[in-house]
Amino acid sequence: MMADSSDQYESVLCVKSEVHVYRIPPRSSNRGYRAADWKLEEPAWSGRMKITAKGKTAFIKLEDRITGELFAQAPVDQYPGMVVEAVSDSSRYFVTRIEDGNGRHAFIGIGFADRGDSFDFNVALQDHFKWVKQEGELARQEAAQISAPKLDLGFKEGQTIKINIGNIKKKESGGAAGKSRPMGGSLLPPPPGVKSSAMVPPPTAQQTTPTAPPSTGMILDFGDPAPAATPPSQDLWGDFTSAGSGSAQDSRSGWVQF
């Protein structure tokens, strides 16, 4: 919402140092005003133009170029509209309705020597009323939000809610089942319809470590009256009985015969 006009400040939208004012004849038809019907070589007044804005209203002020004294003023509440109207034969001339503050008004023609000045004059008014339109739309939206009932999303007294977390339990149980290992080593679980007692794992073969027979190569069995004959190549005592330097009787005499 816009504030009261007495509390609003006045902003300057555009300033042009040279503008001409013309007396215009009454409109003869509905075709619009034509600058060719004016006495363009004889302007009624020349000075400075200033466009200001206060709230929604723009003001076209014609002032003296040196002293700044106000010559005429045109309040504009809509553009394009009845207050400012472009002529049909030129882009540098406009018809403006001025007011004296006492309820009296008159239509005059204004013109710019430079085409760029007339362009700036036109754009300044268009931008102002574009802003006025946007402000009006925002004000309507704010009013609609204020008038709309507010949603009460809070819990009422004694109101409870129920949360179903069954999916989380299923996920946890599925994870535990996936991590568990089947009993009995690498055996697979029994197929459907077969009792677990019928599936008996095969007995595992016990590995026995063979015990080496006692070595009797270096032990003399004194209790055996008839020792087994040992081949000459496996005689542990060597070829002492067949020594080349002595006889068999000499070799026997050097050992004790048991």
Protein backbone atom coordinates (compact mmCIF):
# COMPACT_ATOMS: atom_id res chain seq x y z
CA MET A 1 0.00 0.00 0.00
CA MET A 2 1.28 3.46 -0.92
CA ALA A 3 1.50 6.10 1.78
CA ASP A 4 -0.47 9.32 1.80
CA SER A 5 0.67 11.91 -0.77
CA SER A 6 1.66 14.37 1.99
CA ASP A 7 4.20 11.85 3.35
CA GLN A 8 5.77 11.01 -0.03
CA TYR A 9 8.85 12.59 -1.47
CA GLU A 10 9.11 14.01 -4.96
CA SER A 11 11.65 12.45 -7.31
CA VAL A 12 13.00 13.87 -10.57
CA LEU A 13 12.54 11.61 -13.61
CA CYS A 14 13.81 13.77 -16.48
CA VAL A 15 15.10 17.30 -17.17
CA LYS A 16 15.34 18.94 -20.62
CA SER A 17 16.91 22.37 -20.97
CA GLU A 18 15.01 23.44 -24.09
CA VAL A 19 11.32 23.03 -24.84
CA HIS A 20 8.88 25.17 -26.81
CA VAL A 21 5.21 25.88 -26.09
CA TYR A 22 2.67 26.49 -28.91
CA ARG A 23 -0.91 27.69 -29.07
CA ILE A 24 -2.92 25.05 -30.85
CA PRO A 25 -6.20 25.39 -32.72
CA PRO A 26 -9.22 23.35 -31.64
CA ARG A 27 -9.36 19.83 -32.95
CA SER A 28 -11.38 19.87 -36.12
CA SER A 29 -11.88 16.11 -36.49
CA ASN A 30 -11.24 12.79 -34.81
CA ARG A 31 -8.03 12.20 -36.74
CA GLY A 32 -5.92 13.76 -33.94
CA TYR A 33 -3.66 16.75 -33.62
CA ARG A 34 -1.15 17.68 -36.32
CA ALA A 35 1.97 19.77 -35.65
CA ALA A 36 1.80 21.13 -39.22
CA ASP A 37 -1.28 23.16 -38.16
CA TRP A 38 0.72 25.02 -35.51
CA LYS A 39 2.96 28.03 -36.07
CA LEU A 40 6.16 26.17 -35.35
CA GLU A 41 8.37 29.13 -36.23
CA GLU A 42 6.60 31.29 -33.60
CA PRO A 43 6.54 29.46 -30.22
CA ALA A 44 4.48 31.15 -27.48
CA TRP A 45 7.05 30.35 -24.79
CA SER A 46 10.48 28.64 -24.49
CA GLY A 47 12.18 27.37 -21.38
CA ARG A 48 13.09 24.28 -19.39
CA MET A 49 11.01 21.18 -18.76
CA LYS A 50 11.23 18.94 -15.68
CA ILE A 51 9.34 15.69 -15.07
CA THR A 52 8.88 14.73 -11.41
CA ALA A 53 6.97 11.97 -9.63
CA LYS A 54 5.21 11.94 -6.28
CA GLY A 55 3.52 8.68 -5.48
CA LYS A 56 1.56 7.46 -8.48
CA THR A 57 1.32 10.85 -10.17
CA ALA A 58 3.88 12.35 -12.53
CA PHE A 59 4.14 16.10 -13.08
CA ILE A 60 5.31 17.88 -16.24
CA LYS A 61 6.66 21.23 -15.10
CA LEU A 62 7.55 24.08 -17.46
CA GLU A 63 10.00 26.42 -15.74
CA ASP A 64 12.02 29.49 -16.59
CA ARG A 65 15.47 28.49 -17.84
CA ILE A 66 17.27 31.02 -15.61
CA THR A 67 15.14 31.70 -12.52
CA GLY A 68 13.31 28.34 -12.30
CA GLU A 69 9.93 30.11 -11.98
CA LEU A 70 7.02 27.81 -12.77
CA PHE A 71 5.21 28.72 -16.00
CA ALA A 72 2.73 25.80 -16.20
CA GLN A 73 2.23 22.33 -14.79
CA ALA A 74 0.47 19.21 -16.03
CA PRO A 75 -0.34 16.43 -13.52
CA VAL A 76 -0.27 13.05 -15.29
CA ASP A 77 -2.06 10.08 -13.72
CA GLN A 78 -2.03 7.84 -16.81
CA TYR A 79 0.15 7.48 -19.88
CA PRO A 80 -0.77 7.25 -22.68
CA GLY A 81 -3.94 9.16 -21.84
CA MET A 82 -5.82 12.42 -22.19
CA VAL A 83 -3.19 14.54 -20.42
CA VAL A 84 -0.35 13.80 -22.87
CA GLU A 85 -1.10 12.90 -26.47
CA ALA A 86 1.33 12.57 -29.35
CA VAL A 87 0.58 14.30 -32.66
CA SER A 88 -0.05 12.25 -35.76
CA ASP A 89 2.60 13.77 -38.04
CA SER A 90 5.75 14.03 -35.87
CA SER A 91 7.52 12.33 -32.97
CA ARG A 92 8.88 15.62 -31.51
CA TYR A 93 5.57 17.28 -30.61
CA PHE A 94 2.87 16.52 -28.04
CA VAL A 95 -0.39 18.03 -26.82
CA THR A 96 -0.50 18.53 -23.04
CA ARG A 97 -3.31 19.54 -20.73
CA ILE A 98 -2.05 22.01 -18.10
CA GLU A 99 -3.77 23.05 -14.88
CA ASP A 100 -3.46 26.18 -12.74
CA GLY A 101 -4.37 24.56 -9.41
CA ASN A 102 -7.80 26.23 -9.27
CA GLY A 103 -9.60 23.67 -11.43
CA ARG A 104 -9.00 25.47 -14.72
CA HIS A 105 -7.13 23.69 -17.53
CA ALA A 106 -6.04 24.34 -21.11
CA PHE A 107 -4.46 22.37 -23.96
CA ILE A 108 -1.10 23.52 -25.29
CA GLY A 109 1.43 22.08 -27.68
CA ILE A 110 5.01 21.35 -26.62
CA GLY A 111 7.88 20.49 -28.89
CA PHE A 112 11.57 19.57 -28.72
CA ALA A 113 14.29 20.75 -31.07
CA ASP A 114 16.16 17.44 -30.68
CA ARG A 115 14.50 14.12 -31.44
CA GLY A 116 16.51 12.47 -28.64
CA ASP A 117 14.89 14.82 -26.09
CA SER A 118 11.43 13.80 -27.18
CA PHE A 119 12.45 10.13 -26.89
CA ASP A 120 13.67 10.66 -23.30
CA PHE A 121 10.43 12.47 -22.45
CA ASN A 122 8.38 9.54 -23.71
CA VAL A 123 10.50 6.86 -21.97
CA ALA A 124 10.46 8.69 -18.61
CA LEU A 125 6.66 8.67 -18.52
CA GLN A 126 6.44 5.04 -19.68
CA ASP A 127 8.89 3.79 -17.02
CA HIS A 128 7.07 5.62 -14.24
CA PHE A 129 3.67 4.16 -15.02
CA LYS A 130 5.16 0.72 -15.55
CA TRP A 131 6.44 0.96 -11.97
CA VAL A 132 2.99 2.13 -10.81
CA LYS A 133 1.42 -0.95 -12.40
CA GLN A 134 3.88 -3.31 -10.73
CA GLU A 135 3.29 -1.68 -7.35
CA GLY A 136 -0.45 -2.12 -7.78
CA GLU A 137 -0.06 -5.82 -8.55
CA LEU A 138 2.13 -6.37 -5.49
CA ALA A 139 -0.38 -4.53 -3.29
CA ARG A 140 -3.19 -6.77 -4.55
CA GLN A 141 -1.16 -9.90 -3.88
CA GLU A 142 -0.38 -8.77 -0.35
CA ALA A 143 -4.04 -7.99 0.29
CA ALA A 144 -5.05 -11.42 -0.99
CA GLN A 145 -2.53 -13.11 1.30
CA ILE A 146 -3.75 -11.15 4.32
CA SER A 147 -7.41 -11.91 3.65
CA ALA A 148 -6.81 -15.61 2.95
CA PRO A 149 -7.31 -17.93 5.97
CA LYS A 150 -4.09 -19.14 7.50
CA LEU A 151 -3.44 -22.86 7.67
CA ASP A 152 -3.07 -24.21 11.19
CA LEU A 153 -0.60 -27.10 10.92
CA GLY A 154 -0.02 -27.44 14.68
CA PHE A 155 -1.10 -30.44 16.75
CA LYS A 156 -4.34 -30.13 18.61
CA GLU A 157 -4.51 -31.02 22.30
CA GLY A 158 -4.36 -34.80 22.68
CA GLN A 159 -3.70 -35.39 18.99
CA THR A 160 -1.10 -38.05 18.17
CA ILE A 161 0.42 -39.44 15.03
CA LYS A 162 1.52 -42.95 14.15
CA ILE A 163 4.67 -43.68 12.18
CA ASN A 164 5.00 -47.03 10.39
CA ILE A 165 8.62 -48.15 10.18
CA GLY A 166 7.93 -51.70 9.00
CA ASN A 167 10.10 -51.26 5.94
CA ILE A 168 13.09 -50.49 8.12
CA LYS A 169 12.58 -53.68 10.15
CA LYS A 170 12.36 -55.79 7.01
CA LYS A 171 15.55 -54.28 5.70
CA GLU A 172 17.37 -54.97 8.96
CA SER A 173 16.12 -58.58 9.13
CA GLY A 174 17.09 -59.15 5.52
CA GLY A 175 20.56 -57.83 6.20
CA ALA A 176 21.02 -60.12 9.20
CA ALA A 177 19.93 -63.14 7.19
CA GLY A 178 22.32 -62.27 4.42
CA LYS A 179 25.26 -62.01 6.82
CA SER A 180 24.57 -65.33 8.66
CA ARG A 181 26.48 -68.35 7.48
CA PRO A 182 24.95 -71.84 7.11
CA MET A 183 25.94 -74.43 9.70
CA GLY A 184 28.02 -77.43 8.79
CA GLY A 185 30.82 -75.86 6.81
CA SER A 186 30.06 -75.40 3.16
CA LEU A 187 26.84 -77.44 3.10
CA LEU A 188 23.88 -75.88 1.42
CA PRO A 189 20.55 -75.76 3.20
CA PRO A 190 18.18 -78.66 2.41
CA PRO A 191 15.75 -78.20 -0.48
CA PRO A 192 12.11 -77.46 0.30
CA GLY A 193 10.13 -80.46 1.53
CA VAL A 194 13.13 -82.38 2.94
CA LYS A 195 13.61 -82.60 6.67
CA SER A 196 16.88 -81.40 8.01
CA SER A 197 17.40 -84.66 9.94
CA ALA A 198 17.54 -86.62 6.67
CA MET A 199 20.46 -84.60 5.45
CA VAL A 200 23.36 -86.03 7.40
CA PRO A 201 26.76 -84.72 6.44
CA PRO A 202 29.26 -87.40 5.37
CA PRO A 203 31.79 -88.41 8.00
CA THR A 204 35.03 -86.66 7.63
CA ALA A 205 38.06 -88.94 7.24
CA GLN A 206 40.44 -88.67 10.10
CA GLN A 207 43.96 -88.23 9.02
CA THR A 208 46.32 -90.54 10.90
CA THR A 209 49.96 -89.87 11.03
CA PRO A 210 51.92 -93.09 10.29
CA THR A 211 54.37 -93.95 12.99
CA ALA A 212 57.80 -94.76 11.80
CA PRO A 213 59.07 -98.25 12.78
CA PRO A 214 61.86 -98.27 15.32
CA SER A 215 65.20 -98.18 13.73
CA THR A 216 67.21 -101.29 14.56
CA GLY A 217 70.13 -100.51 12.39
CA MET A 218 72.34 -99.37 15.28
CA ILE A 219 70.89 -101.65 18.00
CA LEU A 220 72.33 -105.15 18.61
CA ASP A 221 69.76 -107.75 19.59
CA PHE A 222 71.67 -109.89 22.08
CA GLY A 223 68.65 -112.08 22.85
CA ASP A 224 68.12 -113.37 19.32
CA PRO A 225 70.13 -116.66 18.88
CA ALA A 226 69.65 -116.61 15.13
CA PRO A 227 70.00 -113.11 13.71
CA ALA A 228 68.78 -112.57 10.24
CA ALA A 229 71.41 -112.71 7.56
CA THR A 230 72.34 -109.32 6.28
CA PRO A 231 73.52 -108.88 2.75
CA PRO A 232 77.16 -107.92 2.44
CA SER A 233 76.23 -104.51 1.02
CA GLN A 234 74.17 -103.68 4.14
CA ASP A 235 76.74 -104.89 6.75
CA LEU A 236 77.00 -102.12 9.27
CA TRP A 237 80.50 -103.24 10.34
CA GLY A 238 82.05 -103.01 6.92
CA ASP A 239 84.37 -105.50 5.23
CA PHE A 240 86.50 -106.08 8.30
CA THR A 241 86.37 -109.88 7.85
CA SER A 242 87.83 -109.70 4.41
CA ALA A 243 90.66 -107.31 4.97
CA GLY A 244 93.37 -107.73 2.35
CA SER A 245 96.38 -107.56 4.73
CA GLY A 246 95.41 -110.38 7.15
CA SER A 247 93.65 -113.72 7.16
CA ALA A 248 90.20 -114.51 8.36
CA GLN A 249 91.64 -116.10 11.56
CA ASP A 250 93.60 -112.93 12.36
CA SER A 251 90.59 -110.75 11.87
CA ARG A 252 88.46 -112.88 14.17
CA SER A 253 91.10 -112.87 16.90
CA GLY A 254 90.83 -109.07 17.15
CA TRP A 255 87.04 -109.08 17.96
CA VAL A 256 85.03 -110.81 20.59
CA GLN A 257 82.72 -113.43 19.19
CA PHE A 258 79.31 -113.47 20.90
